[in-house]
All heavy atoms as atom14 arrays in JSON, in Angstrom:
{
  "sequence": "YVALPGVSAATISVVFQPDGVTVSGLRRFPAA",
  "atom14_mask": [
    [1, 1, 1, 1, 1, 1, 1, 1, 1, 1, 1, 1, 0, 0],
    [1, 1, 1, 1, 1, 1, 1, 0, 0, 0, 0, 0, 0, 0],
    [1, 1, 1, 1, 1, 0, 0, 0, 0, 0, 0, 0, 0, 0],
    [1, 1, 1, 1, 1, 1, 1, 1, 0, 0, 0, 0, 0, 0],
    [1, 1, 1, 1, 1, 1, 1, 0, 0, 0, 0, 0, 0, 0],
    [1, 1, 1, 1, 0, 0, 0, 0, 0, 0, 0, 0, 0, 0],
    [1, 1, 1, 1, 1, 1, 1, 0, 0, 0, 0, 0, 0, 0],
    [1, 1, 1, 1, 1, 1, 0, 0, 0, 0, 0, 0, 0, 0],
    [1, 1, 1, 1, 1, 0, 0, 0, 0, 0, 0, 0, 0, 0],
    [1, 1, 1, 1, 1, 0, 0, 0, 0, 0, 0, 0, 0, 0],
    [1, 1, 1, 1, 1, 1, 1, 0, 0, 0, 0, 0, 0, 0],
    [1, 1, 1, 1, 1, 1, 1, 1, 0, 0, 0, 0, 0, 0],
    [1, 1, 1, 1, 1, 1, 0, 0, 0, 0, 0, 0, 0, 0],
    [1, 1, 1, 1, 1, 1, 1, 0, 0, 0, 0, 0, 0, 0],
    [1, 1, 1, 1, 1, 1, 1, 0, 0, 0, 0, 0, 0, 0],
    [1, 1, 1, 1, 1, 1, 1, 1, 1, 1, 1, 0, 0, 0],
    [1, 1, 1, 1, 1, 1, 1, 1, 1, 0, 0, 0, 0, 0],
    [1, 1, 1, 1, 1, 1, 1, 0, 0, 0, 0, 0, 0, 0],
    [1, 1, 1, 1, 1, 1, 1, 1, 0, 0, 0, 0, 0, 0],
    [1, 1, 1, 1, 0, 0, 0, 0, 0, 0, 0, 0, 0, 0],
    [1, 1, 1, 1, 1, 1, 1, 0, 0, 0, 0, 0, 0, 0],
    [1, 1, 1, 1, 1, 1, 1, 0, 0, 0, 0, 0, 0, 0],
    [1, 1, 1, 1, 1, 1, 1, 0, 0, 0, 0, 0, 0, 0],
    [1, 1, 1, 1, 1, 1, 0, 0, 0, 0, 0, 0, 0, 0],
    [1, 1, 1, 1, 0, 0, 0, 0, 0, 0, 0, 0, 0, 0],
    [1, 1, 1, 1, 1, 1, 1, 1, 0, 0, 0, 0, 0, 0],
    [1, 1, 1, 1, 1, 1, 1, 1, 1, 1, 1, 0, 0, 0],
    [1, 1, 1, 1, 1, 1, 1, 1, 1, 1, 1, 0, 0, 0],
    [1, 1, 1, 1, 1, 1, 1, 1, 1, 1, 1, 0, 0, 0],
    [1, 1, 1, 1, 1, 1, 1, 0, 0, 0, 0, 0, 0, 0],
    [1, 1, 1, 1, 1, 0, 0, 0, 0, 0, 0, 0, 0, 0],
    [1, 1, 1, 1, 1, 0, 0, 0, 0, 0, 0, 0, 0, 0]
  ],
  "atom14_positions": [
    [[103.56, -223.41, 48.21], [103.1, -222.18, 48.85], [102.17, -221.46, 47.82], [102.66, -221.15, 46.73], [104.33, -221.37, 49.17], [105.15, -221.99, 50.29], [106.27, -222.73, 49.87], [104.97, -221.8, 51.65], [107.17, -223.33, 50.8], [105.77, -222.39, 52.51], [106.9, -223.14, 52.0], [107.75, -223.71, 52.99], [0.0, 0.0, 0.0], [0.0, 0.0, 0.0]],
    [[100.95, -221.03, 48.23], [100.15, -220.38, 47.33], [99.83, -219.03, 48.17], [99.22, -219.02, 49.25], [98.84, -221.1, 46.99], [98.04, -220.28, 46.06], [99.17, -222.46, 46.4], [0.0, 0.0, 0.0], [0.0, 0.0, 0.0], [0.0, 0.0, 0.0], [0.0, 0.0, 0.0], [0.0, 0.0, 0.0], [0.0, 0.0, 0.0], [0.0, 0.0, 0.0]],
    [[100.17, -217.83, 47.6], [100.04, -216.44, 48.27], [98.51, -216.13, 48.19], [98.09, -215.88, 47.19], [100.88, -215.49, 47.53], [0.0, 0.0, 0.0], [0.0, 0.0, 0.0], [0.0, 0.0, 0.0], [0.0, 0.0, 0.0], [0.0, 0.0, 0.0], [0.0, 0.0, 0.0], [0.0, 0.0, 0.0], [0.0, 0.0, 0.0], [0.0, 0.0, 0.0]],
    [[97.91, -216.07, 49.37], [96.5, -215.8, 49.46], [96.25, -214.72, 50.63], [95.38, -214.94, 51.36], [95.64, -216.91, 49.76], [95.7, -217.9, 48.6], [95.03, -219.26, 49.04], [95.14, -217.44, 47.27], [0.0, 0.0, 0.0], [0.0, 0.0, 0.0], [0.0, 0.0, 0.0], [0.0, 0.0, 0.0], [0.0, 0.0, 0.0], [0.0, 0.0, 0.0]],
    [[96.89, -213.61, 50.61], [96.7, -212.67, 51.74], [95.31, -212.08, 51.66], [94.78, -211.67, 50.53], [97.82, -211.58, 51.58], [98.19, -211.66, 50.02], [98.07, -213.16, 49.71], [0.0, 0.0, 0.0], [0.0, 0.0, 0.0], [0.0, 0.0, 0.0], [0.0, 0.0, 0.0], [0.0, 0.0, 0.0], [0.0, 0.0, 0.0], [0.0, 0.0, 0.0]],
    [[94.64, -212.0, 52.71], [93.31, -211.34, 52.76], [92.24, -212.29, 52.31], [91.01, -211.9, 52.25], [0.0, 0.0, 0.0], [0.0, 0.0, 0.0], [0.0, 0.0, 0.0], [0.0, 0.0, 0.0], [0.0, 0.0, 0.0], [0.0, 0.0, 0.0], [0.0, 0.0, 0.0], [0.0, 0.0, 0.0], [0.0, 0.0, 0.0], [0.0, 0.0, 0.0]],
    [[92.55, -213.61, 52.03], [91.56, -214.6, 51.63], [91.26, -215.37, 52.93], [92.08, -215.96, 53.63], [92.01, -215.54, 50.63], [91.04, -216.55, 50.35], [92.46, -214.73, 49.45], [0.0, 0.0, 0.0], [0.0, 0.0, 0.0], [0.0, 0.0, 0.0], [0.0, 0.0, 0.0], [0.0, 0.0, 0.0], [0.0, 0.0, 0.0], [0.0, 0.0, 0.0]],
    [[89.94, -215.55, 53.32], [89.45, -216.33, 54.48], [89.61, -217.77, 54.14], [89.39, -218.34, 52.98], [88.0, -215.89, 54.56], [87.42, -216.87, 55.53], [0.0, 0.0, 0.0], [0.0, 0.0, 0.0], [0.0, 0.0, 0.0], [0.0, 0.0, 0.0], [0.0, 0.0, 0.0], [0.0, 0.0, 0.0], [0.0, 0.0, 0.0], [0.0, 0.0, 0.0]],
    [[90.11, -218.46, 55.21], [90.25, -219.92, 54.95], [88.98, -220.57, 54.64], [88.97, -221.66, 53.91], [90.87, -220.5, 56.22], [0.0, 0.0, 0.0], [0.0, 0.0, 0.0], [0.0, 0.0, 0.0], [0.0, 0.0, 0.0], [0.0, 0.0, 0.0], [0.0, 0.0, 0.0], [0.0, 0.0, 0.0], [0.0, 0.0, 0.0], [0.0, 0.0, 0.0]],
    [[87.87, -220.13, 55.07], [86.48, -220.73, 54.81], [86.2, -220.65, 53.28], [85.45, -221.41, 52.86], [85.44, -220.06, 55.59], [0.0, 0.0, 0.0], [0.0, 0.0, 0.0], [0.0, 0.0, 0.0], [0.0, 0.0, 0.0], [0.0, 0.0, 0.0], [0.0, 0.0, 0.0], [0.0, 0.0, 0.0], [0.0, 0.0, 0.0], [0.0, 0.0, 0.0]],
    [[86.84, -219.8, 52.52], [86.49, -219.65, 51.04], [87.4, -220.45, 50.19], [87.25, -220.6, 48.93], [86.49, -218.21, 50.62], [87.92, -217.71, 50.65], [85.64, -217.34, 51.46], [0.0, 0.0, 0.0], [0.0, 0.0, 0.0], [0.0, 0.0, 0.0], [0.0, 0.0, 0.0], [0.0, 0.0, 0.0], [0.0, 0.0, 0.0], [0.0, 0.0, 0.0]],
    [[88.46, -221.01, 50.8], [89.54, -221.77, 50.0], [89.1, -223.16, 49.75], [88.71, -223.91, 50.72], [90.88, -221.69, 50.62], [91.32, -220.19, 50.83], [91.87, -222.52, 49.92], [92.51, -220.11, 51.68], [0.0, 0.0, 0.0], [0.0, 0.0, 0.0], [0.0, 0.0, 0.0], [0.0, 0.0, 0.0], [0.0, 0.0, 0.0], [0.0, 0.0, 0.0]],
    [[89.26, -223.71, 48.45], [88.92, -225.08, 48.15], [90.26, -225.63, 47.51], [90.81, -225.04, 46.72], [87.84, -225.21, 47.13], [87.7, -226.5, 46.63], [0.0, 0.0, 0.0], [0.0, 0.0, 0.0], [0.0, 0.0, 0.0], [0.0, 0.0, 0.0], [0.0, 0.0, 0.0], [0.0, 0.0, 0.0], [0.0, 0.0, 0.0], [0.0, 0.0, 0.0]],
    [[90.62, -226.82, 47.98], [91.75, -227.56, 47.42], [91.26, -228.75, 46.84], [90.68, -229.59, 47.56], [92.86, -227.7, 48.48], [94.05, -228.5, 47.96], [93.27, -226.47, 49.21], [0.0, 0.0, 0.0], [0.0, 0.0, 0.0], [0.0, 0.0, 0.0], [0.0, 0.0, 0.0], [0.0, 0.0, 0.0], [0.0, 0.0, 0.0], [0.0, 0.0, 0.0]],
    [[91.54, -229.12, 45.62], [91.19, -230.41, 44.86], [92.47, -230.96, 44.4], [93.26, -230.39, 43.62], [90.22, -230.03, 43.73], [89.83, -231.41, 42.98], [89.04, -229.34, 44.32], [0.0, 0.0, 0.0], [0.0, 0.0, 0.0], [0.0, 0.0, 0.0], [0.0, 0.0, 0.0], [0.0, 0.0, 0.0], [0.0, 0.0, 0.0], [0.0, 0.0, 0.0]],
    [[92.58, -232.24, 44.77], [93.76, -233.06, 44.21], [93.24, -234.01, 43.03], [92.27, -234.6, 43.2], [94.28, -233.95, 45.46], [94.61, -233.15, 46.65], [93.92, -233.14, 47.72], [95.82, -232.52, 46.66], [94.28, -232.42, 48.84], [96.29, -231.85, 47.85], [95.49, -231.71, 48.95], [0.0, 0.0, 0.0], [0.0, 0.0, 0.0], [0.0, 0.0, 0.0]],
    [[94.02, -233.79, 41.99], [93.77, -234.47, 40.8], [95.02, -235.32, 40.36], [96.16, -234.97, 40.87], [93.23, -233.53, 39.67], [92.1, -232.75, 40.08], [92.04, -231.36, 39.4], [93.1, -230.73, 39.16], [90.83, -230.84, 39.02], [0.0, 0.0, 0.0], [0.0, 0.0, 0.0], [0.0, 0.0, 0.0], [0.0, 0.0, 0.0], [0.0, 0.0, 0.0]],
    [[94.84, -236.27, 39.61], [96.09, -237.01, 39.08], [97.2, -236.2, 38.54], [98.31, -236.51, 38.65], [95.59, -237.99, 38.09], [94.16, -238.21, 38.42], [93.66, -236.81, 38.98], [0.0, 0.0, 0.0], [0.0, 0.0, 0.0], [0.0, 0.0, 0.0], [0.0, 0.0, 0.0], [0.0, 0.0, 0.0], [0.0, 0.0, 0.0], [0.0, 0.0, 0.0]],
    [[96.77, -235.05, 37.92], [97.75, -234.37, 37.18], [98.23, -232.98, 38.03], [99.02, -232.19, 37.53], [97.31, -233.87, 35.79], [96.08, -232.82, 35.93], [95.46, -232.84, 36.97], [95.88, -232.06, 35.01], [0.0, 0.0, 0.0], [0.0, 0.0, 0.0], [0.0, 0.0, 0.0], [0.0, 0.0, 0.0], [0.0, 0.0, 0.0], [0.0, 0.0, 0.0]],
    [[97.73, -232.93, 39.33], [98.16, -231.74, 39.96], [97.05, -231.32, 41.06], [96.26, -232.09, 41.41], [0.0, 0.0, 0.0], [0.0, 0.0, 0.0], [0.0, 0.0, 0.0], [0.0, 0.0, 0.0], [0.0, 0.0, 0.0], [0.0, 0.0, 0.0], [0.0, 0.0, 0.0], [0.0, 0.0, 0.0], [0.0, 0.0, 0.0], [0.0, 0.0, 0.0]],
    [[97.28, -230.12, 41.59], [96.28, -229.56, 42.58], [95.65, -228.28, 41.94], [96.34, -227.6, 41.33], [97.23, -229.18, 43.81], [96.33, -228.53, 44.99], [97.93, -230.46, 44.36], [0.0, 0.0, 0.0], [0.0, 0.0, 0.0], [0.0, 0.0, 0.0], [0.0, 0.0, 0.0], [0.0, 0.0, 0.0], [0.0, 0.0, 0.0], [0.0, 0.0, 0.0]],
    [[94.39, -228.21, 42.33], [93.73, -226.95, 41.99], [93.26, -226.22, 43.3], [92.55, -226.85, 44.08], [92.52, -227.18, 41.13], [92.99, -227.78, 39.83], [91.85, -225.98, 40.78], [0.0, 0.0, 0.0], [0.0, 0.0, 0.0], [0.0, 0.0, 0.0], [0.0, 0.0, 0.0], [0.0, 0.0, 0.0], [0.0, 0.0, 0.0], [0.0, 0.0, 0.0]],
    [[93.68, -224.98, 43.45], [93.31, -224.12, 44.62], [92.3, -223.07, 44.09], [92.68, -222.39, 43.11], [94.45, -223.54, 45.24], [94.07, -222.71, 46.46], [95.54, -224.62, 45.68], [0.0, 0.0, 0.0], [0.0, 0.0, 0.0], [0.0, 0.0, 0.0], [0.0, 0.0, 0.0], [0.0, 0.0, 0.0], [0.0, 0.0, 0.0], [0.0, 0.0, 0.0]],
    [[91.16, -222.93, 44.63], [90.18, -221.87, 44.27], [89.51, -221.27, 45.53], [89.66, -221.82, 46.58], [89.2, -222.44, 43.26], [88.53, -223.54, 43.97], [0.0, 0.0, 0.0], [0.0, 0.0, 0.0], [0.0, 0.0, 0.0], [0.0, 0.0, 0.0], [0.0, 0.0, 0.0], [0.0, 0.0, 0.0], [0.0, 0.0, 0.0], [0.0, 0.0, 0.0]],
    [[88.93, -220.11, 45.26], [88.32, -219.44, 46.42], [87.89, -218.05, 46.02], [87.72, -217.71, 44.78], [0.0, 0.0, 0.0], [0.0, 0.0, 0.0], [0.0, 0.0, 0.0], [0.0, 0.0, 0.0], [0.0, 0.0, 0.0], [0.0, 0.0, 0.0], [0.0, 0.0, 0.0], [0.0, 0.0, 0.0], [0.0, 0.0, 0.0], [0.0, 0.0, 0.0]],
    [[87.79, -217.2, 47.0], [87.28, -215.85, 46.87], [87.92, -214.86, 47.8], [88.04, -215.16, 48.92], [85.74, -215.84, 47.16], [84.96, -214.47, 47.05], [84.93, -213.97, 45.62], [83.65, -214.62, 47.74], [0.0, 0.0, 0.0], [0.0, 0.0, 0.0], [0.0, 0.0, 0.0], [0.0, 0.0, 0.0], [0.0, 0.0, 0.0], [0.0, 0.0, 0.0]],
    [[88.4, -213.7, 47.27], [88.9, -212.68, 47.96], [87.81, -211.53, 47.96], [87.57, -211.11, 46.76], [90.19, -212.05, 47.55], [90.73, -211.0, 48.51], [91.96, -210.32, 47.99], [93.19, -211.19, 48.12], [94.17, -211.29, 47.25], [94.07, -210.52, 46.2], [95.2, -212.03, 47.54], [0.0, 0.0, 0.0], [0.0, 0.0, 0.0], [0.0, 0.0, 0.0]],
    [[87.18, -211.4, 49.09], [86.12, -210.29, 49.02], [86.61, -208.87, 49.04], [87.7, -208.67, 49.52], [85.28, -210.53, 50.26], [84.48, -211.83, 50.27], [83.53, -211.78, 51.39], [83.05, -213.25, 51.62], [82.2, -213.87, 50.84], [81.78, -213.33, 49.82], [81.79, -215.07, 51.09], [0.0, 0.0, 0.0], [0.0, 0.0, 0.0], [0.0, 0.0, 0.0]],
    [[85.94, -207.97, 48.3], [86.31, -206.68, 48.3], [86.01, -205.98, 49.57], [84.86, -206.08, 50.07], [85.57, -205.91, 47.08], [86.11, -204.59, 46.85], [87.39, -204.27, 46.32], [85.32, -203.45, 47.13], [87.71, -203.1, 46.04], [85.75, -202.16, 46.87], [86.97, -201.99, 46.37], [0.0, 0.0, 0.0], [0.0, 0.0, 0.0], [0.0, 0.0, 0.0]],
    [[86.94, -205.35, 50.3], [86.77, -204.92, 51.63], [85.9, -203.54, 51.71], [85.62, -203.2, 52.79], [88.22, -204.66, 52.14], [88.87, -204.32, 50.86], [88.37, -205.15, 49.73], [0.0, 0.0, 0.0], [0.0, 0.0, 0.0], [0.0, 0.0, 0.0], [0.0, 0.0, 0.0], [0.0, 0.0, 0.0], [0.0, 0.0, 0.0], [0.0, 0.0, 0.0]],
    [[85.84, -202.74, 50.74], [85.24, -201.54, 50.85], [83.75, -201.5, 50.96], [83.12, -202.39, 50.28], [85.51, -200.63, 49.57], [0.0, 0.0, 0.0], [0.0, 0.0, 0.0], [0.0, 0.0, 0.0], [0.0, 0.0, 0.0], [0.0, 0.0, 0.0], [0.0, 0.0, 0.0], [0.0, 0.0, 0.0], [0.0, 0.0, 0.0], [0.0, 0.0, 0.0]],
    [[83.22, -200.7, 51.85], [81.69, -200.44, 51.95], [81.24, -199.42, 50.9], [82.11, -198.8, 50.21], [81.4, -199.92, 53.26], [0.0, 0.0, 0.0], [0.0, 0.0, 0.0], [0.0, 0.0, 0.0], [0.0, 0.0, 0.0], [0.0, 0.0, 0.0], [0.0, 0.0, 0.0], [0.0, 0.0, 0.0], [0.0, 0.0, 0.0], [0.0, 0.0, 0.0]]
  ]
}
């Protein structure tokens, strides 16, 4: 379970490697 509230699914990248998993992405700043 990786806590990502407010992060769009379209910005999430999951990479599987022999030593584990890397999750990366972007949480955009909501203020105008």
